Protein backbone atom coordinates (compact mmCIF):
# COMPACT_ATOMS: atom_id res chain seq x y z
CA MET A 1 -12.48 -12.09 8.39
CA PRO A 2 -14.66 -9.32 9.95
CA ALA A 3 -18.40 -9.96 9.96
CA ALA A 4 -19.09 -7.03 7.62
CA SER A 5 -16.69 -8.46 5.05
CA ARG A 6 -18.19 -11.96 5.33
CA LYS A 7 -21.66 -10.57 4.74
CA HIS A 8 -20.49 -8.53 1.79
CA ARG A 9 -18.71 -11.44 0.18
CA SER A 10 -21.73 -13.74 0.51
CA ASN A 11 -23.82 -11.28 -1.51
CA ARG A 12 -24.80 -12.88 -4.84
CA THR A 13 -24.26 -9.66 -6.78
CA TRP A 14 -20.72 -9.35 -5.38
CA ILE A 15 -19.94 -12.99 -6.17
CA GLN A 16 -21.21 -12.67 -9.74
CA ARG A 17 -19.21 -9.52 -10.34
CA HIS A 18 -16.13 -11.09 -8.80
CA VAL A 19 -16.13 -14.24 -10.93
CA THR A 20 -16.70 -12.29 -14.16
CA ASP A 21 -14.19 -9.55 -13.33
CA PRO A 22 -11.44 -9.42 -15.98
CA PHE A 23 -8.85 -8.39 -13.42
CA VAL A 24 -9.73 -11.35 -11.20
CA LYS A 25 -9.33 -13.66 -14.20
CA ALA A 26 -6.02 -12.03 -15.15
CA ALA A 27 -4.73 -12.26 -11.58
CA THR A 28 -5.52 -15.96 -11.55
CA ALA A 29 -3.91 -16.52 -14.93
CA GLN A 30 -0.74 -14.60 -14.02
CA GLY A 31 -0.33 -15.98 -10.53
CA TYR A 32 -1.15 -12.86 -8.53
CA ARG A 33 -2.88 -13.33 -5.18
CA ALA A 34 -5.40 -10.53 -5.80
CA ARG A 35 -6.70 -8.26 -8.55
CA SER A 36 -5.16 -5.29 -6.70
CA ALA A 37 -1.82 -6.22 -8.28
CA PHE A 38 -2.98 -4.49 -11.44
CA LYS A 39 -3.56 -1.22 -9.59
CA LEU A 40 0.09 -1.05 -8.62
CA ILE A 41 1.24 -2.27 -12.04
CA GLU A 42 -0.69 0.52 -13.81
CA ILE A 43 0.56 3.21 -11.44
CA ASP A 44 4.15 2.01 -11.71
CA ASP A 45 3.97 1.81 -15.50
CA ARG A 46 2.94 5.46 -15.50
CA ASP A 47 5.04 6.88 -12.67
CA HIS A 48 8.11 4.57 -12.63
CA LEU A 49 8.22 4.22 -8.86
CA LEU A 50 9.97 0.88 -8.63
CA LYS A 51 13.67 0.80 -9.50
CA PRO A 52 16.35 -1.80 -8.78
CA GLY A 53 18.29 -1.15 -5.57
CA MET A 54 15.36 0.40 -3.71
CA THR A 55 14.16 -0.37 -0.20
CA VAL A 56 10.37 -0.75 -0.29
CA ILE A 57 7.92 -1.15 2.59
CA ASP A 58 4.48 -2.63 1.85
CA LEU A 59 1.95 -1.71 4.56
CA GLY A 60 -1.20 -3.81 4.82
CA ALA A 61 0.49 -6.30 2.53
CA ALA A 62 -1.75 -9.41 2.90
CA PRO A 63 -2.47 -11.40 0.84
CA GLY A 64 0.68 -10.22 -0.92
CA SER A 65 -0.19 -9.12 -4.45
CA TRP A 66 1.61 -5.78 -4.19
CA SER A 67 4.69 -7.46 -2.71
CA GLN A 68 4.61 -9.87 -5.67
CA VAL A 69 4.69 -6.95 -8.10
CA VAL A 70 7.48 -5.22 -6.19
CA ARG A 71 9.54 -8.42 -6.13
CA GLN A 72 9.15 -8.85 -9.90
CA ARG A 73 10.09 -5.26 -10.65
CA LEU A 74 13.13 -5.20 -8.38
CA GLY A 75 14.44 -8.36 -10.00
CA GLY A 76 17.50 -8.32 -12.20
CA ALA A 77 19.20 -10.82 -14.47
CA GLY A 78 18.31 -14.35 -13.45
CA GLY A 79 15.54 -13.05 -11.20
CA ARG A 80 17.95 -12.04 -8.42
CA LEU A 81 16.53 -9.37 -6.14
CA HIS A 82 18.17 -5.96 -6.40
CA GLY A 83 16.85 -4.16 -3.36
CA ARG A 84 15.04 -4.83 -0.10
CA ILE A 85 11.32 -5.53 0.45
CA VAL A 86 9.61 -5.52 3.85
CA ALA A 87 5.91 -6.33 4.10
CA LEU A 88 3.77 -5.73 7.17
CA ASP A 89 0.24 -6.77 8.13
CA ILE A 90 -1.72 -7.79 11.19
CA LEU A 91 -3.02 -10.71 9.14
CA PRO A 92 -0.91 -13.74 8.11
CA MET A 93 0.60 -13.86 4.63
CA ASP A 94 2.05 -16.81 2.73
CA PRO A 95 5.77 -16.40 2.06
CA ILE A 96 7.11 -14.64 -1.05
CA ALA A 97 10.71 -15.22 -2.04
CA ASP A 98 13.05 -12.45 -0.84
CA VAL A 99 10.28 -10.56 0.95
CA VAL A 100 10.68 -10.09 4.70
CA PHE A 101 7.23 -10.38 6.24
CA ILE A 102 6.39 -8.98 9.67
CA GLN A 103 3.03 -9.97 11.12
CA GLY A 104 1.91 -7.43 13.66
CA ASP A 105 0.59 -3.92 14.23
CA PHE A 106 3.18 -1.40 13.03
CA ARG A 107 2.06 0.99 15.79
CA GLU A 108 3.32 -1.44 18.43
CA GLN A 109 6.90 -1.61 19.64
CA GLU A 110 7.52 -5.26 18.84
CA ALA A 111 6.67 -4.76 15.17
CA ALA A 112 8.63 -1.50 15.10
CA ASP A 113 11.70 -3.29 16.49
CA ARG A 114 11.41 -6.07 13.91
CA LEU A 115 11.03 -3.48 11.14
CA ALA A 116 14.14 -1.60 12.28
CA ALA A 117 16.09 -4.87 12.25
CA ALA A 118 14.81 -5.74 8.77
CA LEU A 119 15.84 -2.35 7.48
CA GLY A 120 19.28 -2.65 9.00
CA GLY A 121 18.94 0.76 10.59
CA GLY A 122 18.14 2.41 7.30
CA LYS A 123 15.00 3.92 5.80
CA ALA A 124 12.82 3.27 2.79
CA ASP A 125 12.88 4.81 -0.66
CA LEU A 126 9.20 3.96 -1.21
CA ILE A 127 6.34 3.18 1.11
CA LEU A 128 3.19 1.56 -0.26
CA SER A 129 -0.08 1.42 1.64
CA ASP A 130 -3.11 -0.42 0.31
CA LEU A 131 -4.69 -0.33 3.77
CA SER A 132 -8.47 -0.31 3.71
CA PRO A 133 -11.00 -0.01 6.56
CA ASN A 134 -13.69 -2.60 7.22
CA LEU A 135 -16.59 -0.81 5.54
CA SER A 136 -19.89 -0.60 7.42
CA GLY A 137 -21.94 1.08 4.72
CA ILE A 138 -22.37 4.14 6.94
CA ALA A 139 -20.67 6.92 4.90
CA VAL A 140 -19.64 9.11 7.80
CA ALA A 141 -18.18 6.25 9.84
CA ASP A 142 -16.40 4.73 6.83
CA ALA A 143 -14.86 8.10 5.88
CA ALA A 144 -13.56 8.50 9.42
CA ARG A 145 -12.03 5.01 9.44
CA GLY A 146 -10.41 5.58 6.06
CA LEU A 147 -9.00 8.96 7.11
CA HIS A 148 -7.57 7.39 10.28
CA LEU A 149 -5.67 4.84 8.20
CA LEU A 150 -4.34 7.61 5.95
CA GLU A 151 -3.07 9.49 8.98
CA LEU A 152 -1.41 6.33 10.31
CA ALA A 153 0.32 5.74 6.94
CA LEU A 154 1.59 9.31 6.88
CA GLU A 155 2.87 9.10 10.47
CA PHE A 156 4.65 5.89 9.50
CA ALA A 157 6.18 7.52 6.43
CA LEU A 158 7.46 10.47 8.44
CA LEU A 159 9.41 8.01 10.58
CA HIS A 160 10.62 5.54 7.96
CA LEU A 161 10.98 7.33 4.61
CA LYS A 162 14.23 8.74 3.28
CA PRO A 163 14.33 12.37 2.21
CA GLY A 164 13.43 12.39 -1.50
CA GLY A 165 11.39 9.21 -1.15
CA SER A 166 7.80 8.52 -2.19
CA LEU A 167 4.55 7.40 -0.56
CA LEU A 168 1.64 5.75 -2.37
CA VAL A 169 -1.54 5.38 -0.30
CA LYS A 170 -5.09 4.20 -0.93
CA ALA A 171 -7.66 6.86 -0.12
CA PHE A 172 -11.42 7.28 -0.30
CA GLN A 173 -12.78 10.59 -1.48
CA GLY A 174 -15.10 12.15 1.03
CA SER A 175 -14.94 14.03 4.30
CA GLY A 176 -11.38 14.91 5.23
CA PHE A 177 -9.88 13.98 1.84
CA SER A 178 -8.88 17.47 0.74
CA GLN A 179 -7.47 18.26 4.18
CA PHE A 180 -5.31 15.15 4.04
CA VAL A 181 -4.02 16.12 0.60
CA ALA A 182 -3.10 19.51 2.04
CA GLU A 183 -1.23 17.78 4.88
CA LEU A 184 0.68 15.64 2.39
CA LYS A 185 1.75 18.77 0.53
CA LYS A 186 3.44 20.02 3.70
CA HIS A 187 5.78 17.07 3.64
CA PHE A 188 6.20 16.24 -0.06
CA ALA A 189 7.16 18.37 -3.06
CA SER A 190 4.37 16.93 -5.23
CA VAL A 191 1.06 15.12 -4.63
CA ALA A 192 -1.05 13.57 -7.40
CA THR A 193 -4.16 11.41 -7.55
CA ARG A 194 -4.32 8.18 -9.51
CA LYS A 195 -7.38 6.10 -10.43
CA PRO A 196 -6.15 2.88 -12.06
CA ALA A 197 -8.49 0.87 -14.28
CA ALA A 198 -8.60 -1.97 -11.74
CA SER A 199 -10.13 0.43 -9.21
CA ARG A 200 -13.85 0.14 -9.89
CA ALA A 201 -15.41 3.25 -11.40
CA GLU A 202 -18.31 3.33 -8.95
CA SER A 203 -15.97 3.25 -5.96
CA THR A 204 -14.69 6.40 -4.25
CA GLU A 205 -11.35 4.62 -3.97
CA THR A 206 -8.39 6.47 -5.38
CA TYR A 207 -4.65 6.57 -4.75
CA LEU A 208 -2.52 9.46 -3.62
CA LEU A 209 1.07 9.56 -4.84
CA ALA A 210 3.31 11.84 -2.81
CA ARG A 211 6.86 12.28 -4.14
CA ARG A 212 10.13 13.91 -3.04
CA PHE A 213 9.71 13.68 0.72
CA LYS A 214 11.13 16.80 2.40
CA GLY A 215 12.34 14.93 5.47
CA SER A 216 11.03 14.70 9.00
CA PRO A 217 11.10 18.01 10.89
CA GLY A 218 14.06 17.95 13.24
CA GLY A 219 14.70 14.29 12.34
CA SER A 220 17.76 12.47 11.09
CA THR A 221 18.31 12.11 7.35
CA ALA A 222 19.95 8.71 7.82
C-alpha cells in the first residue's frame, strides 16, 4: 500500500468513520469485499447496464467488489454465468468464481496479450473503471493524476469496446473534468454523471456513464 494511503488509513477520524459507515457494515454482512459494491449496484439499478450474455471488463478491479456484483448480475438459473467477465489490476486479487483475473498493467504488452486471449478475439459490451489515484492532498497534483487515469480508461475503451457499448468511469470534479466530458461526447452518443449514495457527499468523486459507443475511428467493428 502506498505511503500516502497508509497514513490516511491510520488517521483516527478515518478509522472511526469507516467502522461506523453503514455501507461498510452492509458490505460485510452481504459478503462484498468493499463498500464500493453499492456504488455499482445503485448505478446498475438505475441504468440497467448489466445484462446476461454480456462481456464485461473491470479495470482496477482489486479487491474485487465490482466483479462480485457483475458476477451476481450476469448469473442465470442455478447461478450459472451467462456472459464473460475479465478483471484487471496491477495489485493481486483473490479469485472470484467465473471471473478471469489478469494481474498486470493494461498498458503493457503482456497484459494486453492475456486480455486478448481472455476475450477470445472479441470486444467488450461494457467497461467499468473504478481506478483512483493515490491522493496526495495537493489539489492540483491530485486532479492531474485523476485526469490521467480517465484518459487511460478512455484509450482502453477505444481499443476494446464494441460499437454501441458503454463505459462507466470514476472521475473527480476539478481541473480538466469538463474537457474530459467533452472528449467522451466525441465518442459516445450520451454522457451522464452519477453520484451514488455510497459516494461520500463531501468527496468530489463522481461517475461518468458514457453509452452507445460510436466505434473507434478507422478501427474494426469486430
